[in-house]
Amino acid sequence: MASLGRRTLVVLGASSDQLFLIRTAQELGLAVLCCDQNPDSPGFALAEESATVSTRDVPALLAHLERRAAEGLELAGVITMGSDIPDVVAALCERLGLPGPSRETARLATDKLAMKQRFQERGVPCPWFSEVRSLGELRAAHAQRGPRLVLKPIDRSGSRGVFLLDERSDLPECLRRSREFSYSGRILVEEFLAGPQISTETILCGPRAATPGFADRNYDGLERFLPQVMENGGWVPSRFAGAERRAIESLAERAARALGIERGVAKGDLVWTDEGPKVIEVAARLSGGDFCAGLVPFGSGVNYVRTAIQLALGEEPDWEALQPRCARAVANRYFFPEPGELVRVEGADEIRAQPWVEKLELWYEPGDVVPPSLSHAHRFGVFVVTAEDRDELERRIEWVYGTLRIVTRGAVPARAA
């Protein structure tokens, strides 16, 4: 149980995505109460207190938190990382009287159609978009605006149900599969924006803002997964600097404020087009994966998860702490082996022995069935590597892919990449 004499931060989720958040909160002297429906979540072993409750079950979460508060636990803030549930955070904070996003901001951030409508209203550059209610509407959009369009559920994240359409696409099948991923059954189609993509994370508090999270997204090998859209990690430092970077940061801030994010974190997905930067979408939360927990801390020495926690506590951010303290090249990449029963993995110990490998995690054990790569949830594992420059980083990435061998039964054994 968390100490009744310590301020307690409620962390929604206790998976590997939230471990960095839990540790950072504890470094700040906070006790942590983790909530997750999986009793085997690794975060439970770190947190001072845990509750086996779904992070989407608002009534159950409130019942537990209000009971603990009545027992004397000082609930100081609510936060998540990597889980797209700002609506849950907003509901808990409103009921408990804690700082957090508004219900309206949470609605806009979790409804991609409403989000893009707001961008359009506020003059925030974004792709052409339209809701798709039938196969006929999709075919009409494909004929008039396509053929290269993106089809996606209005209310999901992590590439679930996202398909890149072209002239060869099976439109009925893509629509069916995309709709299956949607909680509400609602689907959006939008223009595919050609150009390099950028991930940003912006800290906002009143009139001030800073964007310590800024990375190039990696879509090498995109054709392999079509029609699924699969990102394979990212890079820092970005190829964008100077005026171009300032333009991207300014647009990321405008997009966040258009959604009503005036105090919090905004995770932006943007594209540099022939017309300048445009926004694909914005999430009202910290990212998962290794962006704010790996790329930025290893690359610049900045841990802005600390700042996000300060905001969740209602404190003024330490803006000085968001200034870079070093400059290293960092990348994270994922493994996408052939599907089938996992027989063995070779080379992992050799990879982990390298001083420039900051992380290597594999999420399957021999005997597990490795599924086809249909979304980010199906990735086999991840690694993070550092270097002095991007050329050296590319060589190290290729070395890792060439060293790890993933053997599956029922498929042709293949290199990890």
Protein backbone atom coordinates (compact mmCIF):
# COMPACT_ATOMS: atom_id res chain seq x y z
CA MET A 1 0.00 0.00 0.00
CA ALA A 2 1.13 3.53 -0.75
CA SER A 3 2.19 5.52 2.28
CA LEU A 4 -0.65 7.71 3.57
CA GLY A 5 1.89 10.44 4.22
CA ARG A 6 3.01 10.79 0.58
CA ARG A 7 1.40 12.41 -2.40
CA THR A 8 0.26 9.70 -4.79
CA LEU A 9 0.18 9.85 -8.57
CA VAL A 10 -2.43 7.68 -10.25
CA VAL A 11 -0.94 6.04 -13.34
CA LEU A 12 -3.43 4.49 -15.75
CA GLY A 13 -1.75 1.40 -17.13
CA ALA A 14 1.06 -0.75 -15.75
CA SER A 15 2.44 -2.30 -18.94
CA SER A 16 5.94 -1.80 -20.32
CA ASP A 17 4.70 1.46 -21.85
CA GLN A 18 4.24 2.98 -18.39
CA LEU A 19 7.42 1.79 -16.65
CA PHE A 20 9.42 4.92 -17.48
CA LEU A 21 6.55 7.08 -16.20
CA ILE A 22 6.38 5.12 -12.93
CA ARG A 23 10.12 5.38 -12.32
CA THR A 24 10.17 9.09 -13.14
CA ALA A 25 7.34 9.79 -10.70
CA GLN A 26 9.18 7.92 -7.96
CA GLU A 27 12.36 9.90 -8.67
CA LEU A 28 10.26 13.00 -7.97
CA GLY A 29 9.38 11.61 -4.53
CA LEU A 30 5.84 10.56 -5.40
CA ALA A 31 4.14 7.31 -4.52
CA VAL A 32 2.47 5.61 -7.49
CA LEU A 33 -0.89 3.86 -7.67
CA CYS A 34 -1.13 1.85 -10.90
CA CYS A 35 -4.38 0.64 -12.43
CA ASP A 36 -4.43 -2.10 -15.07
CA GLN A 37 -6.78 -5.00 -15.84
CA ASN A 38 -3.84 -7.39 -16.29
CA PRO A 39 -2.76 -8.74 -12.87
CA ASP A 40 0.63 -9.69 -14.33
CA SER A 41 1.45 -6.17 -15.53
CA PRO A 42 5.15 -5.41 -14.87
CA GLY A 43 4.37 -1.99 -13.44
CA PHE A 44 2.67 -3.56 -10.43
CA ALA A 45 6.05 -4.76 -9.19
CA LEU A 46 7.36 -1.18 -9.20
CA ALA A 47 4.37 0.78 -7.93
CA GLU A 48 3.70 1.37 -4.23
CA GLU A 49 0.07 0.40 -4.80
CA SER A 50 -1.89 -1.30 -7.57
CA ALA A 51 -5.47 -2.01 -8.59
CA THR A 52 -6.55 -4.67 -11.07
CA VAL A 53 -9.08 -2.52 -12.87
CA SER A 54 -9.53 -1.79 -16.57
CA THR A 55 -8.19 1.64 -17.50
CA ARG A 56 -11.37 2.19 -19.55
CA ASP A 57 -13.81 1.34 -16.73
CA VAL A 58 -14.47 4.80 -15.30
CA PRO A 59 -17.03 3.75 -12.65
CA ALA A 60 -14.74 1.02 -11.31
CA LEU A 61 -11.73 3.32 -11.31
CA LEU A 62 -13.64 6.04 -9.49
CA ALA A 63 -14.98 3.58 -6.93
CA HIS A 64 -11.47 2.40 -6.10
CA LEU A 65 -9.87 5.84 -6.04
CA GLU A 66 -12.62 7.43 -3.97
CA ARG A 67 -12.42 4.59 -1.47
CA ARG A 68 -8.66 5.02 -1.13
CA ALA A 69 -9.04 8.78 -0.80
CA ALA A 70 -11.62 8.26 1.97
CA GLU A 71 -9.06 6.04 3.71
CA GLY A 72 -6.60 8.93 3.74
CA LEU A 73 -4.60 8.47 0.53
CA GLU A 74 -3.60 11.84 -0.96
CA LEU A 75 -4.38 11.62 -4.67
CA ALA A 76 -2.27 14.33 -6.29
CA GLY A 77 -2.79 13.71 -10.01
CA VAL A 78 -3.86 11.33 -12.76
CA ILE A 79 -1.75 10.58 -15.83
CA THR A 80 -1.09 7.95 -18.49
CA MET A 81 1.55 7.27 -21.12
CA GLY A 82 1.11 5.42 -24.39
CA SER A 83 -2.58 4.72 -23.81
CA ASP A 84 -5.07 6.78 -25.81
CA ILE A 85 -7.55 7.43 -23.00
CA PRO A 86 -7.68 11.20 -22.39
CA ASP A 87 -11.43 10.78 -21.94
CA VAL A 88 -10.81 8.55 -18.91
CA VAL A 89 -8.19 10.93 -17.51
CA ALA A 90 -10.61 13.85 -17.98
CA ALA A 91 -13.48 12.04 -16.26
CA LEU A 92 -11.37 11.03 -13.25
CA CYS A 93 -9.78 14.46 -12.86
CA GLU A 94 -13.14 16.22 -13.07
CA ARG A 95 -14.68 13.98 -10.40
CA LEU A 96 -11.63 14.07 -8.10
CA GLY A 97 -10.99 17.80 -8.51
CA LEU A 98 -7.54 17.32 -10.04
CA PRO A 99 -5.81 19.07 -12.95
CA GLY A 100 -6.43 17.42 -16.30
CA PRO A 101 -7.79 17.81 -19.82
CA SER A 102 -11.35 19.00 -20.32
CA ARG A 103 -14.06 16.63 -21.48
CA GLU A 104 -14.27 18.58 -24.75
CA THR A 105 -10.53 18.30 -25.39
CA ALA A 106 -10.71 14.57 -24.67
CA ARG A 107 -13.62 14.18 -27.09
CA LEU A 108 -11.78 15.99 -29.88
CA ALA A 109 -8.57 14.07 -29.25
CA THR A 110 -10.27 10.66 -29.48
CA ASP A 111 -12.61 11.35 -32.42
CA LYS A 112 -10.48 11.82 -35.54
CA LEU A 113 -13.38 13.24 -37.54
CA ALA A 114 -14.22 15.85 -34.89
CA MET A 115 -10.50 16.60 -34.57
CA LYS A 116 -10.07 17.32 -38.28
CA GLN A 117 -13.27 19.34 -38.36
CA ARG A 118 -11.84 21.50 -35.58
CA PHE A 119 -8.54 21.86 -37.48
CA GLN A 120 -10.50 22.96 -40.53
CA GLU A 121 -12.49 25.49 -38.49
CA ARG A 122 -9.32 26.95 -36.93
CA GLY A 123 -7.28 27.08 -40.15
CA VAL A 124 -4.84 24.33 -39.13
CA PRO A 125 -3.47 22.70 -42.32
CA CYS A 126 -4.46 19.03 -42.52
CA PRO A 127 -5.33 16.51 -45.25
CA TRP A 128 -8.67 16.42 -47.03
CA PHE A 129 -10.99 14.09 -45.12
CA SER A 130 -14.50 12.68 -45.08
CA GLU A 131 -16.50 10.23 -43.02
CA VAL A 132 -17.34 7.03 -44.89
CA ARG A 133 -20.75 5.55 -44.11
CA SER A 134 -20.99 3.01 -46.94
CA LEU A 135 -19.02 1.20 -49.59
CA GLY A 136 -20.59 3.51 -52.17
CA GLU A 137 -19.19 6.57 -50.40
CA LEU A 138 -15.75 4.97 -50.21
CA ARG A 139 -15.81 4.10 -53.90
CA ALA A 140 -16.85 7.65 -54.77
CA ALA A 141 -14.04 9.14 -52.67
CA HIS A 142 -11.56 6.69 -54.18
CA ALA A 143 -12.62 7.66 -57.69
CA GLN A 144 -12.77 11.42 -57.09
CA ARG A 145 -9.98 12.02 -54.58
CA GLY A 146 -7.77 8.92 -54.88
CA PRO A 147 -6.64 6.43 -55.60
CA ARG A 148 -4.04 6.97 -52.83
CA LEU A 149 -6.09 7.52 -49.70
CA VAL A 150 -5.86 6.46 -46.05
CA LEU A 151 -8.76 4.59 -44.47
CA LYS A 152 -8.92 4.48 -40.67
CA PRO A 153 -11.30 4.04 -37.71
CA ILE A 154 -12.35 7.33 -36.19
CA ASP A 155 -11.70 6.11 -32.64
CA ARG A 156 -8.59 3.86 -32.59
CA SER A 157 -4.83 4.36 -32.32
CA GLY A 158 -1.61 2.39 -32.87
CA SER A 159 -2.29 1.86 -36.61
CA ARG A 160 -5.20 -0.47 -35.80
CA GLY A 161 -7.47 -0.72 -38.83
CA VAL A 162 -5.46 1.80 -40.86
CA PHE A 163 -5.09 0.99 -44.57
CA LEU A 164 -3.31 2.78 -47.39
CA LEU A 165 -5.48 2.50 -50.49
CA ASP A 166 -4.36 2.56 -54.11
CA GLU A 167 -5.74 1.46 -57.48
CA ARG A 168 -5.26 -2.22 -56.55
CA SER A 169 -7.09 -2.11 -53.22
CA ASP A 170 -9.95 -4.43 -52.35
CA LEU A 171 -12.22 -1.64 -51.10
CA PRO A 172 -14.98 -3.86 -49.61
CA GLU A 173 -12.42 -5.90 -47.66
CA CYS A 174 -10.49 -2.86 -46.41
CA LEU A 175 -13.71 -1.17 -45.30
CA ARG A 176 -14.87 -4.31 -43.50
CA ARG A 177 -11.58 -4.79 -41.69
CA SER A 178 -11.25 -1.13 -40.74
CA ARG A 179 -14.78 -1.08 -39.35
CA GLU A 180 -14.05 -4.20 -37.27
CA PHE A 181 -11.33 -2.27 -35.42
CA SER A 182 -13.57 0.71 -34.63
CA TYR A 183 -15.30 0.83 -31.26
CA SER A 184 -18.20 2.74 -32.82
CA GLY A 185 -18.08 1.33 -36.36
CA ARG A 186 -17.33 4.78 -37.76
CA ILE A 187 -14.70 5.16 -40.48
CA LEU A 188 -12.74 8.08 -41.93
CA VAL A 189 -11.01 8.42 -45.28
CA GLU A 190 -8.39 11.08 -45.86
CA GLU A 191 -5.86 12.25 -48.40
CA PHE A 192 -2.49 10.52 -48.25
CA LEU A 193 0.14 13.22 -47.70
CA ALA A 194 3.42 12.44 -49.42
CA GLY A 195 6.56 13.59 -47.65
CA PRO A 196 8.69 12.93 -44.59
CA GLN A 197 6.73 12.46 -41.38
CA ILE A 198 7.61 13.93 -38.01
CA SER A 199 6.58 13.03 -34.46
CA THR A 200 6.39 15.89 -31.97
CA GLU A 201 5.55 16.22 -28.31
CA THR A 202 4.72 19.69 -27.11
CA ILE A 203 4.47 20.88 -23.51
CA LEU A 204 1.87 23.63 -23.06
CA CYS A 205 1.11 25.73 -20.00
CA GLY A 206 -0.83 28.95 -20.48
CA PRO A 207 0.80 31.16 -23.12
CA ARG A 208 4.08 29.24 -23.10
CA ALA A 209 4.95 26.12 -25.06
CA ALA A 210 8.02 24.04 -25.87
CA THR A 211 8.52 21.04 -28.14
CA PRO A 212 11.31 18.89 -26.64
CA GLY A 213 10.06 15.83 -28.51
CA PHE A 214 10.94 16.04 -32.21
CA ALA A 215 11.82 12.95 -34.28
CA ASP A 216 11.71 11.75 -37.87
CA ARG A 217 9.34 8.81 -38.33
CA ASN A 218 10.64 5.79 -40.23
CA TYR A 219 8.46 4.22 -42.91
CA ASP A 220 11.19 2.29 -44.72
CA GLY A 221 9.75 -0.97 -45.96
CA LEU A 222 6.19 0.39 -46.02
CA GLU A 223 5.40 -1.58 -49.18
CA ARG A 224 6.01 -4.87 -47.34
CA PHE A 225 2.97 -4.38 -45.09
CA LEU A 226 0.46 -2.88 -47.50
CA PRO A 227 -2.39 -2.26 -47.24
CA GLN A 228 -1.57 -1.96 -43.50
CA VAL A 229 0.35 1.19 -42.55
CA MET A 230 3.24 0.20 -40.29
CA GLU A 231 5.74 2.65 -38.81
CA ASN A 232 9.14 1.22 -37.89
CA GLY A 233 10.44 3.52 -35.19
CA GLY A 234 12.11 6.88 -35.57
CA TRP A 235 15.31 8.94 -35.44
CA VAL A 236 16.81 11.85 -33.57
CA PRO A 237 18.13 14.33 -34.35
CA SER A 238 15.65 15.20 -37.07
CA ARG A 239 16.61 16.17 -40.60
CA PHE A 240 14.59 19.35 -40.00
CA ALA A 241 16.35 22.32 -38.40
CA GLY A 242 16.23 26.10 -38.41
CA ALA A 243 13.19 27.74 -39.99
CA GLU A 244 11.66 24.44 -41.09
CA ARG A 245 11.76 23.02 -37.58
CA ARG A 246 10.32 26.23 -36.15
CA ALA A 247 7.45 26.05 -38.66
CA ILE A 248 6.70 22.46 -37.63
CA GLU A 249 6.82 23.30 -33.92
CA SER A 250 4.57 26.31 -34.44
CA LEU A 251 2.00 24.21 -36.29
CA ALA A 252 2.12 21.49 -33.62
CA GLU A 253 1.37 24.11 -30.98
CA ARG A 254 -1.48 25.63 -33.05
CA ALA A 255 -3.02 22.20 -33.52
CA ALA A 256 -2.81 21.45 -29.80
CA ARG A 257 -4.45 24.74 -28.85
CA ALA A 258 -7.17 24.15 -31.47
CA LEU A 259 -8.13 21.06 -29.47
CA GLY A 260 -8.17 23.07 -26.26
CA ILE A 261 -4.90 21.75 -24.85
CA GLU A 262 -3.72 24.74 -22.81
CA ARG A 263 -2.06 22.83 -19.99
CA GLY A 264 -0.67 19.42 -20.80
CA VAL A 265 1.11 17.38 -23.45
CA ALA A 266 0.21 17.14 -27.13
CA LYS A 267 1.60 14.31 -29.26
CA GLY A 268 1.64 15.38 -32.90
CA ASP A 269 1.93 13.46 -36.16
CA LEU A 270 2.88 15.82 -38.99
CA VAL A 271 4.06 15.66 -42.60
CA TRP A 272 6.34 18.04 -44.49
CA THR A 273 4.61 18.48 -47.85
CA ASP A 274 5.37 20.60 -50.91
CA GLU A 275 3.13 23.23 -49.28
CA GLY A 276 4.92 23.09 -45.93
CA PRO A 277 3.91 21.20 -42.77
CA LYS A 278 0.46 19.69 -42.28
CA VAL A 279 -1.04 17.87 -39.31
CA ILE A 280 -2.28 14.30 -39.58
CA GLU A 281 -3.54 14.11 -36.01
CA VAL A 282 -2.80 15.04 -32.39
CA ALA A 283 -3.13 12.98 -29.21
CA ALA A 284 -3.66 14.56 -25.79
CA ARG A 285 -1.13 12.38 -23.96
CA LEU A 286 2.44 11.20 -23.70
CA SER A 287 3.55 8.79 -26.41
CA GLY A 288 4.20 5.13 -25.88
CA GLY A 289 7.03 3.14 -27.37
CA ASP A 290 10.44 4.71 -26.93
CA PHE A 291 9.92 8.31 -28.01
CA CYS A 292 9.73 10.23 -24.73
CA ALA A 293 11.26 7.33 -22.76
CA GLY A 294 14.24 6.65 -25.05
CA LEU A 295 14.90 8.73 -28.15
CA VAL A 296 14.67 12.12 -26.48
CA PRO A 297 16.42 11.32 -23.14
CA PHE A 298 19.28 9.47 -24.88
CA GLY A 299 19.51 12.04 -27.67
CA SER A 300 19.24 15.33 -25.77
CA GLY A 301 19.36 14.48 -22.07
CA VAL A 302 15.81 15.82 -21.58
CA ASN A 303 13.20 13.89 -19.60
CA TYR A 304 10.01 15.82 -20.27
CA VAL A 305 7.93 13.07 -18.66
CA ARG A 306 8.95 14.90 -15.47
CA THR A 307 7.35 18.03 -16.89
CA ALA A 308 4.17 16.15 -17.80
CA ILE A 309 3.96 14.93 -14.21
CA GLN A 310 4.42 18.49 -12.92
CA LEU A 311 1.47 19.57 -15.07
CA ALA A 312 -0.66 16.67 -13.82
CA LEU A 313 0.09 17.81 -10.26
CA GLY A 314 -0.96 21.37 -11.06
CA GLU A 315 2.59 22.69 -10.74
CA GLU A 316 4.43 25.18 -12.95
CA PRO A 317 6.71 23.42 -15.43
CA ASP A 318 10.47 23.67 -15.12
CA TRP A 319 11.07 25.20 -18.56
CA GLU A 320 14.84 25.21 -18.14
CA ALA A 321 14.79 21.42 -17.79
CA LEU A 322 13.46 21.19 -21.35
CA GLN A 323 16.65 22.61 -22.85
CA PRO A 324 18.94 20.02 -24.55
CA ARG A 325 22.01 18.97 -22.57
CA CYS A 326 23.70 16.79 -25.19
CA ALA A 327 23.35 15.80 -28.85
CA ARG A 328 23.52 12.13 -29.84
CA ALA A 329 22.02 10.16 -32.70
CA VAL A 330 19.39 7.68 -31.48
CA ALA A 331 16.96 5.33 -33.22
CA ASN A 332 14.39 2.75 -32.25
CA ARG A 333 13.38 -0.06 -34.58
CA TYR A 334 11.07 -3.07 -34.43
CA PHE A 335 11.16 -6.70 -35.53
CA PHE A 336 8.61 -8.15 -37.96
CA PRO A 337 9.42 -11.86 -38.47
CA GLU A 338 7.42 -14.30 -40.56
CA PRO A 339 4.30 -15.51 -38.71
CA GLY A 340 4.16 -18.99 -37.22
CA GLU A 341 5.12 -20.83 -34.04
CA LEU A 342 8.31 -19.39 -32.56
CA VAL A 343 11.05 -22.04 -32.46
CA ARG A 344 14.03 -20.03 -31.22
CA VAL A 345 15.79 -16.66 -31.25
CA GLU A 346 19.54 -16.41 -31.90
CA GLY A 347 21.93 -13.52 -31.38
CA ALA A 348 20.14 -11.62 -28.59
CA ASP A 349 23.00 -11.98 -26.08
CA GLU A 350 25.52 -10.72 -28.64
CA ILE A 351 23.36 -7.68 -29.33
CA ARG A 352 22.83 -6.87 -25.65
CA ALA A 353 26.60 -7.00 -25.10
CA GLN A 354 27.14 -3.92 -27.27
CA PRO A 355 27.55 -0.73 -25.18
CA TRP A 356 25.61 1.30 -27.75
CA VAL A 357 22.52 -0.91 -27.53
CA GLU A 358 20.37 0.86 -24.96
CA LYS A 359 17.47 -1.57 -25.16
CA LEU A 360 16.49 -4.92 -26.66
CA GLU A 361 13.10 -6.36 -25.77
CA LEU A 362 11.47 -9.41 -27.36
CA TRP A 363 7.82 -10.03 -26.55
CA TYR A 364 7.43 -13.67 -27.57
CA GLU A 365 8.77 -16.92 -26.10
CA PRO A 366 9.49 -20.23 -27.88
CA GLY A 367 6.19 -21.99 -28.43
CA ASP A 368 4.24 -18.74 -28.82
CA VAL A 369 2.41 -18.13 -32.08
CA VAL A 370 3.74 -15.05 -33.86
CA PRO A 371 0.81 -13.42 -35.69
CA PRO A 372 0.92 -11.57 -39.02
CA SER A 373 1.85 -7.88 -38.65
CA LEU A 374 -1.55 -6.21 -38.88
CA SER A 375 -0.92 -3.30 -36.48
CA HIS A 376 1.69 -1.97 -34.08
CA ALA A 377 0.30 -4.35 -31.45
CA HIS A 378 1.72 -7.29 -33.44
CA ARG A 379 5.37 -6.25 -33.45
CA PHE A 380 7.75 -8.93 -32.19
CA GLY A 381 10.15 -6.72 -30.24
CA VAL A 382 12.12 -3.49 -30.19
CA PHE A 383 15.66 -2.17 -29.91
CA VAL A 384 17.17 1.25 -29.25
CA VAL A 385 20.68 2.13 -30.41
CA THR A 386 22.85 5.25 -30.10
CA ALA A 387 25.78 6.65 -32.09
CA GLU A 388 27.74 9.84 -32.65
CA ASP A 389 26.12 10.51 -36.03
CA ARG A 390 23.40 9.22 -38.31
CA ASP A 391 25.68 7.30 -40.66
CA GLU A 392 27.12 5.28 -37.79
CA LEU A 393 23.62 4.81 -36.43
CA GLU A 394 22.43 3.31 -39.73
CA ARG A 395 25.31 0.84 -39.70
CA ARG A 396 24.47 -0.21 -36.16
CA ILE A 397 20.79 -0.67 -37.01
CA GLU A 398 21.70 -2.94 -39.92
CA TRP A 399 24.10 -4.90 -37.68
CA VAL A 400 21.34 -5.59 -35.16
CA TYR A 401 18.94 -6.73 -37.89
CA GLY A 402 21.65 -8.92 -39.35
CA THR A 403 22.59 -10.46 -36.00
CA LEU A 404 19.20 -11.34 -34.54
CA ARG A 405 17.70 -14.44 -36.12
CA ILE A 406 14.08 -15.33 -35.41
CA VAL A 407 13.08 -18.85 -36.42
CA THR A 408 9.40 -19.70 -36.75
CA ARG A 409 7.75 -22.98 -37.70
CA GLY A 410 5.18 -22.92 -40.44
CA ALA A 411 7.04 -20.17 -42.27
CA VAL A 412 10.40 -19.85 -44.00
CA PRO A 413 13.03 -18.85 -41.39
CA ALA A 414 13.97 -15.24 -42.02
CA ARG A 415 16.23 -12.55 -40.74
CA ALA A 416 14.62 -10.23 -38.20
CA ALA A 417 14.17 -7.38 -40.67
